[in-house]
Amino acid sequence: MLRIFFPDVADGTVLPPELKGLTDGAQVGAPGVRRTLVMEGHGERLRIEVTAVGKGKTQLHLWREPLPEMEAAPGADITIPPPADGLTQREREVALLVADGLRSREVAERLGIASQTVKSHLKTIFDKLGVRNRVELARRLVQH
C-alpha cells in the first residue's frame, strides 16, 4: 500500500523522510502517543497513523480511501462517484485490512479489538456492501 505513495519503499529499506519523522515524533512522548500523516494522490487518500507502543517501537496503521467525487471534464461521459457505502470509520478500517489479506485475528491484534468483534464488523460490512465473502469485499474496495 505504501508503494503507491512511496515507490522506493520495500521490506528492509530505510523509511522515507516523511515516515521517519512521523515515527520519531511518536517516540518523543510516552507509549500511546500518536502522530498522523494524510496524503492525497493517484485518486485516493492515504492516512498513516503511527502509535508509540514502547521504547523504540511503533505501530503503523494505514487507511486508504478514494478521494471525493471529481467533476468530469467538459464533454466527458463519466464521473467518479463518491463512496456511498455507509461504513463507519471502524468498519472501513476493518474492511481495508481484510482486503489487504489480513486474517480476523491479525486485524483484531492490529486494531486492539477482539477477534469476534472483527467478525461482527465483517458481517455488517458484507451486508452494507452487498458482498458475500472477503474476495468480493476486496474486489468491491478496488472498484471504489
Protein backbone atom coordinates (compact mmCIF):
# COMPACT_ATOMS: atom_id res chain seq x y z
CA MET A 1 0.00 0.00 0.00
CA LEU A 2 2.83 2.41 0.81
CA ARG A 3 4.41 1.82 -2.60
CA ILE A 4 1.63 3.83 -4.24
CA PHE A 5 2.87 6.97 -2.49
CA PHE A 6 6.47 5.91 -1.82
CA PRO A 7 7.66 3.85 -4.83
CA ASP A 8 11.08 3.10 -3.32
CA VAL A 9 9.70 1.52 -0.11
CA ALA A 10 10.50 -2.17 0.33
CA ASP A 11 10.95 -4.55 3.24
CA GLY A 12 14.24 -3.89 4.97
CA THR A 13 14.80 -0.45 3.42
CA VAL A 14 15.13 2.84 5.29
CA LEU A 15 11.84 4.67 5.83
CA PRO A 16 11.17 7.71 3.64
CA PRO A 17 11.86 11.00 5.50
CA GLU A 18 8.14 11.75 5.96
CA LEU A 19 7.55 8.42 7.73
CA LYS A 20 10.82 8.60 9.68
CA GLY A 21 9.78 11.99 11.07
CA LEU A 22 6.37 10.60 11.95
CA THR A 23 7.79 7.61 13.83
CA ASP A 24 10.41 9.75 15.59
CA GLY A 25 7.69 12.20 16.64
CA ALA A 26 5.59 9.43 18.15
CA GLN A 27 8.59 8.25 20.19
CA VAL A 28 9.06 11.67 21.84
CA GLY A 29 6.29 11.05 24.38
CA ALA A 30 5.06 8.15 26.44
CA PRO A 31 3.68 4.95 24.88
CA GLY A 32 0.32 5.63 23.26
CA VAL A 33 1.41 8.89 21.59
CA ARG A 34 0.01 9.08 18.06
CA ARG A 35 1.05 11.05 15.01
CA THR A 36 -0.86 11.16 11.73
CA LEU A 37 0.07 11.94 8.13
CA VAL A 38 -2.55 12.31 5.38
CA MET A 39 -1.51 12.24 1.74
CA GLU A 40 -3.55 12.53 -1.43
CA GLY A 41 -2.63 11.35 -4.89
CA HIS A 42 -3.44 8.83 -7.60
CA GLY A 43 -7.18 9.38 -6.99
CA GLU A 44 -7.06 8.29 -3.37
CA ARG A 45 -6.23 9.43 0.14
CA LEU A 46 -3.72 7.60 2.34
CA ARG A 47 -3.88 8.16 6.09
CA ILE A 48 -0.91 6.89 8.09
CA GLU A 49 -1.18 6.79 11.86
CA VAL A 50 1.85 5.94 13.96
CA THR A 51 1.45 4.91 17.60
CA ALA A 52 4.31 4.58 20.07
CA VAL A 53 3.98 1.18 21.74
CA GLY A 54 7.23 1.14 23.69
CA LYS A 55 10.79 2.39 23.72
CA GLY A 56 11.87 2.46 20.08
CA LYS A 57 8.79 0.54 18.90
CA THR A 58 5.95 1.92 16.82
CA GLN A 59 2.89 0.56 15.05
CA LEU A 60 1.83 1.90 11.67
CA HIS A 61 -1.85 1.87 10.76
CA LEU A 62 -2.75 2.63 7.16
CA TRP A 63 -6.12 3.58 5.72
CA ARG A 64 -6.78 4.03 2.04
CA GLU A 65 -9.92 5.60 0.61
CA PRO A 66 -10.98 7.13 -2.68
CA LEU A 67 -10.98 10.90 -2.97
CA PRO A 68 -14.38 12.62 -3.02
CA GLU A 69 -16.23 12.95 -6.31
CA MET A 70 -14.29 14.66 -9.04
CA GLU A 71 -16.04 16.65 -11.75
CA ALA A 72 -15.77 15.25 -15.22
CA ALA A 73 -14.06 17.30 -17.89
CA PRO A 74 -16.43 19.06 -20.30
CA GLY A 75 -17.76 16.56 -22.81
CA ALA A 76 -16.64 13.57 -20.73
CA ASP A 77 -19.12 10.74 -20.23
CA ILE A 78 -18.04 9.64 -16.77
CA THR A 79 -17.72 10.98 -13.26
CA ILE A 80 -16.26 9.17 -10.30
CA PRO A 81 -18.99 8.83 -7.69
CA PRO A 82 -18.23 9.46 -4.02
CA PRO A 83 -18.19 6.42 -1.77
CA ALA A 84 -21.73 5.88 -0.52
CA ASP A 85 -21.08 2.63 1.27
CA GLY A 86 -22.42 3.76 4.65
CA LEU A 87 -19.49 2.21 6.51
CA THR A 88 -18.38 3.66 9.83
CA GLN A 89 -14.73 4.62 10.26
CA ARG A 90 -14.04 1.41 12.21
CA GLU A 91 -15.85 -0.73 9.60
CA ARG A 92 -13.78 0.95 6.89
CA GLU A 93 -10.58 0.20 8.84
CA VAL A 94 -11.56 -3.46 9.23
CA ALA A 95 -12.60 -3.72 5.57
CA LEU A 96 -9.33 -2.27 4.28
CA LEU A 97 -7.21 -4.54 6.48
CA VAL A 98 -9.21 -7.60 5.43
CA ALA A 99 -8.97 -6.55 1.78
CA ASP A 100 -5.19 -6.34 2.24
CA GLY A 101 -5.24 -10.03 3.19
CA LEU A 102 -5.15 -9.98 6.99
CA ARG A 103 -6.98 -12.67 8.94
CA SER A 104 -9.57 -11.73 11.57
CA ARG A 105 -7.09 -12.47 14.36
CA GLU A 106 -4.46 -10.22 12.74
CA VAL A 107 -6.98 -7.41 12.22
CA ALA A 108 -8.04 -7.74 15.86
CA GLU A 109 -4.45 -7.51 17.08
CA ARG A 110 -3.68 -4.52 14.89
CA LEU A 111 -6.81 -2.60 15.97
CA GLY A 112 -6.75 -3.70 19.60
CA ILE A 113 -10.18 -5.35 19.48
CA ALA A 114 -11.49 -8.89 19.93
CA SER A 115 -11.45 -11.31 17.01
CA GLN A 116 -15.20 -11.81 17.48
CA THR A 117 -15.69 -8.04 17.10
CA VAL A 118 -13.87 -8.18 13.76
CA LYS A 119 -16.19 -10.98 12.63
CA SER A 120 -19.20 -8.93 13.73
CA HIS A 121 -17.91 -5.91 11.78
CA LEU A 122 -17.37 -8.13 8.73
CA LYS A 123 -20.97 -9.34 8.80
CA THR A 124 -22.18 -5.74 8.89
CA ILE A 125 -19.72 -4.72 6.15
CA PHE A 126 -20.82 -7.61 3.92
CA ASP A 127 -24.47 -6.62 4.42
CA LYS A 128 -23.85 -2.93 3.72
CA LEU A 129 -21.75 -3.56 0.61
CA GLY A 130 -23.79 -6.47 -0.70
CA VAL A 131 -20.85 -8.88 -0.80
CA ARG A 132 -20.67 -12.49 0.41
CA ASN A 133 -17.02 -13.03 1.25
CA ARG A 134 -13.58 -11.47 1.65
CA VAL A 135 -12.68 -11.85 -2.03
CA GLU A 136 -15.80 -9.96 -3.12
CA LEU A 137 -15.04 -7.34 -0.46
CA ALA A 138 -11.53 -6.81 -1.82
CA ARG A 139 -12.86 -6.52 -5.38
CA ARG A 140 -15.53 -4.06 -4.27
CA LEU A 141 -13.00 -1.84 -2.50
CA VAL A 142 -10.72 -1.84 -5.55
CA GLN A 143 -13.63 -0.60 -7.69
CA HIS A 144 -14.10 2.36 -5.38
